[in-house]
Amino acid sequence: MLQKTIAIDNAELTTYVLENYPEIDPNRKRPAVIICPGGAYKLLSNTETEAIAVKMMALGFHAFVLRYSIKPAIFPQSLIELAKCVQLIREHSKNWHIDEKKLIVAGFSAGGHLAASLGVFWHTPLLKEYLTGEAQSWKPNGLLLSYPVITSGPFSHESSIPNLLGKTYEMQKEKMALENQVTKHTPPTFIWHTIADQSVPVENSLLFSNALQTAGVPFELHIFPNGVHGLSLATSETTRDSKKIELAAAVWPKLFQTWVYENI
């Protein structure tokens, strides 16, 4: 496994790249999952970093963890970092044995907002102001959104969007309602959430899913009845808190694996 940390502006990208072996398949190309942990744009939760990467590797994916800029950095700093991350991974796809047509950006909670932001803004003039090259080079081929922050409206998480926007909150909060930014250009999306999530209401995922349906974008949505916010893998691997162990929801990585191989 190739593991190293790469600086991208003020962010850090950690690689978890699986090796190819002659006796198995020296020319294998794998999908890649770029992981954006949650933390309300105020911190980065370690429960949604390496453990997720290791799980993704076990499912046959290369994995990358992006520790993006948080408060006091404001929009679009973290979005620029994520776009540059996708661009860098695509540039190294040959050396890292990556299927450059299967780059999935994964986000948890506020990290889900960041991932979804790239999904809806990748083709707009916004990022072209800060990046060089063609927009296709930083376009994700799919999104994995785990209990994501999506809206800045009535079901918004109370602190994520204010932390992201800082003093520009009143001016830009409507733009951060990502359910209103979905178009036919948004990549196919896998989403999961729990009804019992009291921090980021399940309506966030429902709003985004409805927007994807309206735009004709393929998606898969899994709503589990039980489980508090921040489940991560929903097993003891990522928590000592019994409230965050929810075996019914712990099936999501396998469901995601199937979705990638059948739809991306």
C-alpha atoms as a PDB file:
ATOM      1  CA  MET A   1       0.000   0.000   0.000  1.00  0.00           C
ATOM      2  CA  LEU A   2       1.202   3.464  -0.893  1.00  0.00           C
ATOM      3  CA  GLN A   3       0.494   5.833   1.983  1.00  0.00           C
ATOM      4  CA  LYS A   4       1.683   9.398   2.050  1.00  0.00           C
ATOM      5  CA  THR A   5       0.436  12.885   2.834  1.00  0.00           C
ATOM      6  CA  ILE A   6       0.266  15.566   0.151  1.00  0.00           C
ATOM      7  CA  ALA A   7      -0.288  19.281   0.764  1.00  0.00           C
ATOM      8  CA  ILE A   8      -3.041  20.927  -1.292  1.00  0.00           C
ATOM      9  CA  ASP A   9      -3.151  24.633  -0.449  1.00  0.00           C
ATOM     10  CA  ASN A  10      -3.907  24.557   3.302  1.00  0.00           C
ATOM     11  CA  ALA A  11      -5.376  21.055   3.165  1.00  0.00           C
ATOM     12  CA  GLU A  12      -3.747  17.639   3.582  1.00  0.00           C
ATOM     13  CA  LEU A  13      -4.505  14.625   1.408  1.00  0.00           C
ATOM     14  CA  THR A  14      -3.561  11.188   2.756  1.00  0.00           C
ATOM     15  CA  THR A  15      -3.359   8.398   0.202  1.00  0.00           C
ATOM     16  CA  TYR A  16      -4.316   4.755   0.751  1.00  0.00           C
ATOM     17  CA  VAL A  17      -3.390   3.251  -2.615  1.00  0.00           C
ATOM     18  CA  LEU A  18      -3.461  -0.535  -2.998  1.00  0.00           C
ATOM     19  CA  GLU A  19      -0.654  -2.300  -4.830  1.00  0.00           C
ATOM     20  CA  ASN A  20      -1.050  -4.509  -7.874  1.00  0.00           C
ATOM     21  CA  TYR A  21       0.571  -7.957  -7.812  1.00  0.00           C
ATOM     22  CA  PRO A  22       1.609 -10.011 -10.882  1.00  0.00           C
ATOM     23  CA  GLU A  23       0.091 -13.222  -9.575  1.00  0.00           C
ATOM     24  CA  ILE A  24      -3.318 -11.531  -9.204  1.00  0.00           C
ATOM     25  CA  ASP A  25      -3.641  -8.768 -11.813  1.00  0.00           C
ATOM     26  CA  PRO A  26      -0.703  -6.440 -12.584  1.00  0.00           C
ATOM     27  CA  ASN A  27      -2.903  -4.149 -14.684  1.00  0.00           C
ATOM     28  CA  ARG A  28      -5.906  -3.803 -12.389  1.00  0.00           C
ATOM     29  CA  LYS A  29      -7.518  -0.362 -12.181  1.00  0.00           C
ATOM     30  CA  ARG A  30      -9.656   0.353  -9.150  1.00  0.00           C
ATOM     31  CA  PRO A  31     -12.244   3.030  -8.350  1.00  0.00           C
ATOM     32  CA  ALA A  32     -11.105   5.704  -5.911  1.00  0.00           C
ATOM     33  CA  VAL A  33     -13.024   7.166  -2.984  1.00  0.00           C
ATOM     34  CA  ILE A  34     -12.070  10.618  -1.688  1.00  0.00           C
ATOM     35  CA  ILE A  35     -13.252  10.982   1.911  1.00  0.00           C
ATOM     36  CA  CYS A  36     -14.302  14.310   3.451  1.00  0.00           C
ATOM     37  CA  PRO A  37     -14.937  13.928   7.202  1.00  0.00           C
ATOM     38  CA  GLY A  38     -17.597  15.878   9.042  1.00  0.00           C
ATOM     39  CA  GLY A  39     -17.346  18.352  11.895  1.00  0.00           C
ATOM     40  CA  ALA A  40     -19.664  21.270  11.078  1.00  0.00           C
ATOM     41  CA  TYR A  41     -16.864  23.058   9.167  1.00  0.00           C
ATOM     42  CA  LYS A  42     -15.381  23.713  12.635  1.00  0.00           C
ATOM     43  CA  LEU A  43     -13.386  20.516  13.198  1.00  0.00           C
ATOM     44  CA  LEU A  44     -12.637  17.279  11.351  1.00  0.00           C
ATOM     45  CA  SER A  45     -13.957  14.101  12.932  1.00  0.00           C
ATOM     46  CA  ASN A  46     -11.369  11.313  13.137  1.00  0.00           C
ATOM     47  CA  THR A  47     -14.166   8.741  13.234  1.00  0.00           C
ATOM     48  CA  GLU A  48     -14.740   9.504   9.542  1.00  0.00           C
ATOM     49  CA  THR A  49     -11.166   9.347   8.273  1.00  0.00           C
ATOM     50  CA  GLU A  50      -8.822   6.340   8.362  1.00  0.00           C
ATOM     51  CA  ALA A  51     -11.428   3.785   9.464  1.00  0.00           C
ATOM     52  CA  ILE A  52     -13.529   4.689   6.436  1.00  0.00           C
ATOM     53  CA  ALA A  53     -10.454   4.501   4.188  1.00  0.00           C
ATOM     54  CA  VAL A  54      -9.549   1.032   5.485  1.00  0.00           C
ATOM     55  CA  LYS A  55     -13.122  -0.150   4.923  1.00  0.00           C
ATOM     56  CA  MET A  56     -13.089   1.190   1.385  1.00  0.00           C
ATOM     57  CA  MET A  57      -9.809  -0.634   0.688  1.00  0.00           C
ATOM     58  CA  ALA A  58     -11.315  -3.853   1.999  1.00  0.00           C
ATOM     59  CA  LEU A  59     -14.089  -3.402  -0.568  1.00  0.00           C
ATOM     60  CA  GLY A  60     -11.599  -3.044  -3.417  1.00  0.00           C
ATOM     61  CA  PHE A  61     -11.282   0.746  -3.686  1.00  0.00           C
ATOM     62  CA  HIS A  62      -8.310   3.027  -3.428  1.00  0.00           C
ATOM     63  CA  ALA A  63      -9.013   5.590  -0.709  1.00  0.00           C
ATOM     64  CA  PHE A  64      -7.965   9.168   0.008  1.00  0.00           C
ATOM     65  CA  VAL A  65      -8.695  11.268   3.086  1.00  0.00           C
ATOM     66  CA  LEU A  66      -8.891  15.038   2.631  1.00  0.00           C
ATOM     67  CA  ARG A  67      -8.368  17.168   5.732  1.00  0.00           C
ATOM     68  CA  TYR A  68      -9.789  20.325   4.235  1.00  0.00           C
ATOM     69  CA  SER A  69      -9.782  23.883   5.582  1.00  0.00           C
ATOM     70  CA  ILE A  70     -12.326  24.724   8.273  1.00  0.00           C
ATOM     71  CA  LYS A  71     -13.352  27.775  10.286  1.00  0.00           C
ATOM     72  CA  PRO A  72     -12.046  30.507  10.161  1.00  0.00           C
ATOM     73  CA  ALA A  73     -11.551  29.656   6.467  1.00  0.00           C
ATOM     74  CA  ILE A  74     -14.723  30.398   4.532  1.00  0.00           C
ATOM     75  CA  PHE A  75     -16.352  29.351   1.264  1.00  0.00           C
ATOM     76  CA  PRO A  76     -15.046  28.535  -1.299  1.00  0.00           C
ATOM     77  CA  GLN A  77     -11.655  27.589   0.214  1.00  0.00           C
ATOM     78  CA  SER A  78     -12.502  23.987   1.114  1.00  0.00           C
ATOM     79  CA  LEU A  79     -14.335  23.505  -2.187  1.00  0.00           C
ATOM     80  CA  ILE A  80     -11.262  24.665  -4.112  1.00  0.00           C
ATOM     81  CA  GLU A  81      -9.127  22.212  -2.145  1.00  0.00           C
ATOM     82  CA  LEU A  82     -11.476  19.328  -2.910  1.00  0.00           C
ATOM     83  CA  ALA A  83     -11.567  20.193  -6.617  1.00  0.00           C
ATOM     84  CA  LYS A  84      -7.757  20.323  -6.728  1.00  0.00           C
ATOM     85  CA  CYS A  85      -7.679  16.992  -4.920  1.00  0.00           C
ATOM     86  CA  VAL A  86      -9.850  15.339  -7.574  1.00  0.00           C
ATOM     87  CA  GLN A  87      -7.732  16.916 -10.286  1.00  0.00           C
ATOM     88  CA  LEU A  88      -4.488  15.657  -8.706  1.00  0.00           C
ATOM     89  CA  ILE A  89      -5.784  12.109  -8.279  1.00  0.00           C
ATOM     90  CA  ARG A  90      -6.980  12.010 -11.869  1.00  0.00           C
ATOM     91  CA  GLU A  91      -3.552  13.248 -13.024  1.00  0.00           C
ATOM     92  CA  HIS A  92      -1.883  10.383 -11.114  1.00  0.00           C
ATOM     93  CA  SER A  93      -4.429   7.759 -12.115  1.00  0.00           C
ATOM     94  CA  LYS A  94      -1.986   5.790 -14.281  1.00  0.00           C
ATOM     95  CA  ASN A  95       0.764   5.565 -11.659  1.00  0.00           C
ATOM     96  CA  TRP A  96      -1.714   4.776  -8.887  1.00  0.00           C
ATOM     97  CA  HIS A  97      -3.685   2.225 -10.945  1.00  0.00           C
ATOM     98  CA  ILE A  98      -6.908   4.223 -10.659  1.00  0.00           C
ATOM     99  CA  ASP A  99      -9.859   4.047 -12.994  1.00  0.00           C
ATOM    100  CA  GLU A 100     -10.000   7.765 -13.808  1.00  0.00           C
ATOM    101  CA  LYS A 101     -13.664   7.398 -14.778  1.00  0.00           C
ATOM    102  CA  LYS A 102     -14.599   6.144 -11.324  1.00  0.00           C
ATOM    103  CA  LEU A 103     -13.594   8.884  -8.883  1.00  0.00           C
ATOM    104  CA  ILE A 104     -16.194   9.112  -6.124  1.00  0.00           C
ATOM    105  CA  VAL A 105     -16.227  11.973  -3.627  1.00  0.00           C
ATOM    106  CA  ALA A 106     -17.535  10.858  -0.237  1.00  0.00           C
ATOM    107  CA  GLY A 107     -18.682  13.167   2.525  1.00  0.00           C
ATOM    108  CA  PHE A 108     -20.009  12.732   6.040  1.00  0.00           C
ATOM    109  CA  SER A 109     -22.261  15.340   7.658  1.00  0.00           C
ATOM    110  CA  ALA A 110     -20.679  18.736   6.814  1.00  0.00           C
ATOM    111  CA  GLY A 111     -18.212  16.808   4.677  1.00  0.00           C
ATOM    112  CA  GLY A 112     -21.297  15.664   2.785  1.00  0.00           C
ATOM    113  CA  HIS A 113     -22.114  19.299   2.120  1.00  0.00           C
ATOM    114  CA  LEU A 114     -18.611  19.780   0.767  1.00  0.00           C
ATOM    115  CA  ALA A 115     -18.850  16.695  -1.457  1.00  0.00           C
ATOM    116  CA  ALA A 116     -22.288  17.712  -2.716  1.00  0.00           C
ATOM    117  CA  SER A 117     -20.999  21.245  -3.349  1.00  0.00           C
ATOM    118  CA  LEU A 118     -18.425  19.910  -5.789  1.00  0.00           C
ATOM    119  CA  GLY A 119     -21.178  17.805  -7.325  1.00  0.00           C
ATOM    120  CA  VAL A 120     -23.352  20.818  -8.072  1.00  0.00           C
ATOM    121  CA  PHE A 121     -20.705  23.490  -8.712  1.00  0.00           C
ATOM    122  CA  TRP A 122     -17.988  21.613 -10.650  1.00  0.00           C
ATOM    123  CA  HIS A 123     -19.166  22.858 -14.055  1.00  0.00           C
ATOM    124  CA  THR A 124     -19.905  26.460 -13.037  1.00  0.00           C
ATOM    125  CA  PRO A 125     -17.683  29.530 -13.497  1.00  0.00           C
ATOM    126  CA  LEU A 126     -17.032  29.579  -9.733  1.00  0.00           C
ATOM    127  CA  LEU A 127     -14.177  27.053  -9.746  1.00  0.00           C
ATOM    128  CA  LYS A 128     -12.723  28.177 -13.061  1.00  0.00           C
ATOM    129  CA  GLU A 129     -11.659  31.356 -11.296  1.00  0.00           C
ATOM    130  CA  TYR A 130      -9.322  29.390  -9.037  1.00  0.00           C
ATOM    131  CA  LEU A 131      -8.207  26.300 -10.987  1.00  0.00           C
ATOM    132  CA  THR A 132      -6.357  25.722 -14.235  1.00  0.00           C
ATOM    133  CA  GLY A 133      -7.368  23.180 -16.832  1.00  0.00           C
ATOM    134  CA  GLU A 134     -10.729  21.858 -17.945  1.00  0.00           C
ATOM    135  CA  ALA A 135     -13.652  21.433 -15.548  1.00  0.00           C
ATOM    136  CA  GLN A 136     -13.823  17.744 -16.474  1.00  0.00           C
ATOM    137  CA  SER A 137     -10.497  17.250 -14.682  1.00  0.00           C
ATOM    138  CA  TRP A 138     -12.052  18.022 -11.290  1.00  0.00           C
ATOM    139  CA  LYS A 139     -15.476  16.549 -11.953  1.00  0.00           C
ATOM    140  CA  PRO A 140     -16.394  13.668  -9.620  1.00  0.00           C
ATOM    141  CA  ASN A 141     -17.916  10.643 -11.342  1.00  0.00           C
ATOM    142  CA  GLY A 142     -20.109   9.910  -8.342  1.00  0.00           C
ATOM    143  CA  LEU A 143     -21.024  11.108  -4.868  1.00  0.00           C
ATOM    144  CA  LEU A 144     -21.320   9.199  -1.584  1.00  0.00           C
ATOM    145  CA  LEU A 145     -23.278  11.297   0.922  1.00  0.00           C
ATOM    146  CA  SER A 146     -23.536   9.969   4.473  1.00  0.00           C
ATOM    147  CA  TYR A 147     -26.066  11.819   6.667  1.00  0.00           C
ATOM    148  CA  PRO A 148     -25.160  14.975   4.728  1.00  0.00           C
ATOM    149  CA  VAL A 149     -25.758  18.602   5.519  1.00  0.00           C
ATOM    150  CA  ILE A 150     -27.517  19.834   2.379  1.00  0.00           C
ATOM    151  CA  THR A 151     -29.810  22.754   3.002  1.00  0.00           C
ATOM    152  CA  SER A 152     -29.534  26.214   4.511  1.00  0.00           C
ATOM    153  CA  GLY A 153     -33.314  26.368   4.843  1.00  0.00           C
ATOM    154  CA  PRO A 154     -35.702  25.196   7.587  1.00  0.00           C
ATOM    155  CA  PHE A 155     -33.986  21.792   8.042  1.00  0.00           C
ATOM    156  CA  SER A 156     -30.449  23.156   8.102  1.00  0.00           C
ATOM    157  CA  HIS A 157     -27.878  22.050  10.650  1.00  0.00           C
ATOM    158  CA  GLU A 158     -27.616  24.947  13.055  1.00  0.00           C
ATOM    159  CA  SER A 159     -23.876  25.672  12.784  1.00  0.00           C
ATOM    160  CA  SER A 160     -22.421  24.145   9.609  1.00  0.00           C
ATOM    161  CA  ILE A 161     -23.485  26.794   7.101  1.00  0.00           C
ATOM    162  CA  PRO A 162     -22.728  29.752   9.421  1.00  0.00           C
ATOM    163  CA  ASN A 163     -19.254  28.275  10.049  1.00  0.00           C
ATOM    164  CA  LEU A 164     -18.713  27.825   6.317  1.00  0.00           C
ATOM    165  CA  LEU A 165     -19.766  31.339   5.362  1.00  0.00           C
ATOM    166  CA  GLY A 166     -18.626  33.444   8.306  1.00  0.00           C
ATOM    167  CA  LYS A 167     -19.468  37.113   7.793  1.00  0.00           C
ATOM    168  CA  THR A 168     -20.863  36.355   4.335  1.00  0.00           C
ATOM    169  CA  TYR A 169     -23.638  34.164   5.780  1.00  0.00           C
ATOM    170  CA  GLU A 170     -26.602  36.444   5.042  1.00  0.00           C
ATOM    171  CA  MET A 171     -25.330  37.193   1.562  1.00  0.00           C
ATOM    172  CA  GLN A 172     -24.611  33.603   0.494  1.00  0.00           C
ATOM    173  CA  LYS A 173     -26.792  31.311   2.586  1.00  0.00           C
ATOM    174  CA  GLU A 174     -29.346  30.789  -0.193  1.00  0.00           C
ATOM    175  CA  LYS A 175     -26.558  29.647  -2.524  1.00  0.00           C
ATOM    176  CA  MET A 176     -25.615  27.005   0.047  1.00  0.00           C
ATOM    177  CA  ALA A 177     -29.047  25.364  -0.159  1.00  0.00           C
ATOM    178  CA  LEU A 178     -27.646  22.685  -2.432  1.00  0.00           C
ATOM    179  CA  GLU A 179     -30.999  21.123  -3.210  1.00  0.00           C
ATOM    180  CA  ASN A 180     -31.623  24.245  -5.318  1.00  0.00           C
ATOM    181  CA  GLN A 181     -28.298  23.901  -7.176  1.00  0.00           C
ATOM    182  CA  VAL A 182     -28.822  20.401  -8.592  1.00  0.00           C
ATOM    183  CA  THR A 183     -28.854  20.127 -12.396  1.00  0.00           C
ATOM    184  CA  LYS A 184     -28.494  17.390 -14.971  1.00  0.00           C
ATOM    185  CA  HIS A 185     -24.719  17.861 -14.579  1.00  0.00           C
ATOM    186  CA  THR A 186     -24.727  16.613 -10.977  1.00  0.00           C
ATOM    187  CA  PRO A 187     -23.039  13.174 -10.790  1.00  0.00           C
ATOM    188  CA  PRO A 188     -24.889   9.980  -9.828  1.00  0.00           C
ATOM    189  CA  THR A 189     -25.276   9.841  -6.066  1.00  0.00           C
ATOM    190  CA  PHE A 190     -25.482   7.271  -3.268  1.00  0.00           C
ATOM    191  CA  ILE A 191     -27.082   8.646  -0.071  1.00  0.00           C
ATOM    192  CA  TRP A 192     -27.822   7.185   3.331  1.00  0.00           C
ATOM    193  CA  HIS A 193     -29.317   8.724   6.453  1.00  0.00           C
ATOM    194  CA  THR A 194     -31.301   7.766   9.562  1.00  0.00           C
ATOM    195  CA  ILE A 195     -34.750   8.953  10.543  1.00  0.00           C
ATOM    196  CA  ALA A 196     -33.588   9.281  14.137  1.00  0.00           C
ATOM    197  CA  ASP A 197     -30.831  11.786  13.284  1.00  0.00           C
ATOM    198  CA  GLN A 198     -31.602  14.804  15.464  1.00  0.00           C
ATOM    199  CA  SER A 199     -28.583  16.904  14.450  1.00  0.00           C
ATOM    200  CA  VAL A 200     -28.913  16.843  10.670  1.00  0.00           C
ATOM    201  CA  PRO A 201     -32.551  16.018   9.873  1.00  0.00           C
ATOM    202  CA  VAL A 202     -33.227  13.302   7.335  1.00  0.00           C
ATOM    203  CA  GLU A 203     -35.032  15.945   5.260  1.00  0.00           C
ATOM    204  CA  ASN A 204     -31.574  17.054   4.060  1.00  0.00           C
ATOM    205  CA  SER A 205     -31.156  13.787   2.177  1.00  0.00           C
ATOM    206  CA  LEU A 206     -34.768  13.789   1.037  1.00  0.00           C
ATOM    207  CA  LEU A 207     -34.463  17.297  -0.382  1.00  0.00           C
ATOM    208  CA  PHE A 208     -31.338  16.394  -2.340  1.00  0.00           C
ATOM    209  CA  SER A 209     -32.848  13.133  -3.574  1.00  0.00           C
ATOM    210  CA  ASN A 210     -35.984  14.911  -4.765  1.00  0.00           C
ATOM    211  CA  ALA A 211     -33.837  17.420  -6.629  1.00  0.00           C
ATOM    212  CA  LEU A 212     -31.842  14.609  -8.261  1.00  0.00           C
ATOM    213  CA  GLN A 213     -35.078  12.920  -9.317  1.00  0.00           C
ATOM    214  CA  THR A 214     -36.386  16.141 -10.833  1.00  0.00           C
ATOM    215  CA  ALA A 215     -33.127  16.686 -12.728  1.00  0.00           C
ATOM    216  CA  GLY A 216     -33.048  13.117 -14.012  1.00  0.00           C
ATOM    217  CA  VAL A 217     -29.830  12.246 -12.166  1.00  0.00           C
ATOM    218  CA  PRO A 218     -29.475   8.576 -11.116  1.00  0.00           C
ATOM    219  CA  PHE A 219     -29.322   8.054  -7.352  1.00  0.00           C
ATOM    220  CA  GLU A 220     -29.762   5.454  -4.651  1.00  0.00           C
ATOM    221  CA  LEU A 221     -31.188   6.441  -1.265  1.00  0.00           C
ATOM    222  CA  HIS A 222     -31.190   4.347   1.917  1.00  0.00           C
ATOM    223  CA  ILE A 223     -33.099   5.566   4.955  1.00  0.00           C
ATOM    224  CA  PHE A 224     -32.565   3.562   8.148  1.00  0.00           C
ATOM    225  CA  PRO A 225     -35.066   3.990  10.993  1.00  0.00           C
ATOM    226  CA  ASN A 226     -32.624   4.088  13.914  1.00  0.00           C
ATOM    227  CA  GLY A 227     -29.262   5.661  14.637  1.00  0.00           C
ATOM    228  CA  VAL A 228     -28.020   8.989  15.971  1.00  0.00           C
ATOM    229  CA  HIS A 229     -25.965  11.446  13.951  1.00  0.00           C
ATOM    230  CA  GLY A 230     -22.368  10.621  13.102  1.00  0.00           C
ATOM    231  CA  LEU A 231     -22.631   6.836  12.824  1.00  0.00           C
ATOM    232  CA  SER A 232     -19.616   6.508  10.516  1.00  0.00           C
ATOM    233  CA  LEU A 233     -19.325   2.722  10.008  1.00  0.00           C
ATOM    234  CA  ALA A 234     -22.009   2.219  12.680  1.00  0.00           C
ATOM    235  CA  THR A 235     -19.864  -0.456  14.369  1.00  0.00           C
ATOM    236  CA  SER A 236     -17.480  -0.619  17.329  1.00  0.00           C
ATOM    237  CA  GLU A 237     -14.630   0.054  14.903  1.00  0.00           C
ATOM    238  CA  THR A 238     -15.483   3.767  14.916  1.00  0.00           C
ATOM    239  CA  THR A 239     -17.014   4.333  18.357  1.00  0.00           C
ATOM    240  CA  ARG A 240     -17.214   3.289  22.002  1.00  0.00           C
ATOM    241  CA  ASP A 241     -20.650   4.880  22.242  1.00  0.00           C
ATOM    242  CA  SER A 242     -23.353   2.204  22.092  1.00  0.00           C
ATOM    243  CA  LYS A 243     -25.718   4.803  20.602  1.00  0.00           C
ATOM    244  CA  LYS A 244     -23.523   4.891  17.486  1.00  0.00           C
ATOM    245  CA  ILE A 245     -23.502   1.140  16.978  1.00  0.00           C
ATOM    246  CA  GLU A 246     -26.396   0.377  14.668  1.00  0.00           C
ATOM    247  CA  LEU A 247     -25.975  -2.910  12.852  1.00  0.00           C
ATOM    248  CA  ALA A 248     -28.937  -2.345  10.560  1.00  0.00           C
ATOM    249  CA  ALA A 249     -27.214   0.763   9.173  1.00  0.00           C
ATOM    250  CA  ALA A 250     -23.763  -0.869   9.133  1.00  0.00           C
ATOM    251  CA  VAL A 251     -24.620  -2.503   5.808  1.00  0.00           C
ATOM    252  CA  TRP A 252     -24.171   0.788   3.954  1.00  0.00           C
ATOM    253  CA  PRO A 253     -20.554   0.168   2.751  1.00  0.00           C
ATOM    254  CA  LYS A 254     -21.532  -3.075   1.041  1.00  0.00           C
ATOM    255  CA  LEU A 255     -24.568  -1.406  -0.530  1.00  0.00           C
ATOM    256  CA  PHE A 256     -22.308   1.392  -1.733  1.00  0.00           C
ATOM    257  CA  GLN A 257     -19.818  -1.094  -3.225  1.00  0.00           C
ATOM    258  CA  THR A 258     -22.581  -2.763  -5.236  1.00  0.00           C
ATOM    259  CA  TRP A 259     -23.895   0.611  -6.402  1.00  0.00           C
ATOM    260  CA  VAL A 260     -20.454   1.689  -7.657  1.00  0.00           C
ATOM    261  CA  TYR A 261     -19.841  -1.457  -9.678  1.00  0.00           C
ATOM    262  CA  GLU A 262     -23.326  -1.453 -11.160  1.00  0.00           C
ATOM    263  CA  ASN A 263     -23.813   2.271 -11.800  1.00  0.00           C
ATOM    264  CA  ILE A 264     -20.521   4.176 -12.132  1.00  0.00           C
END
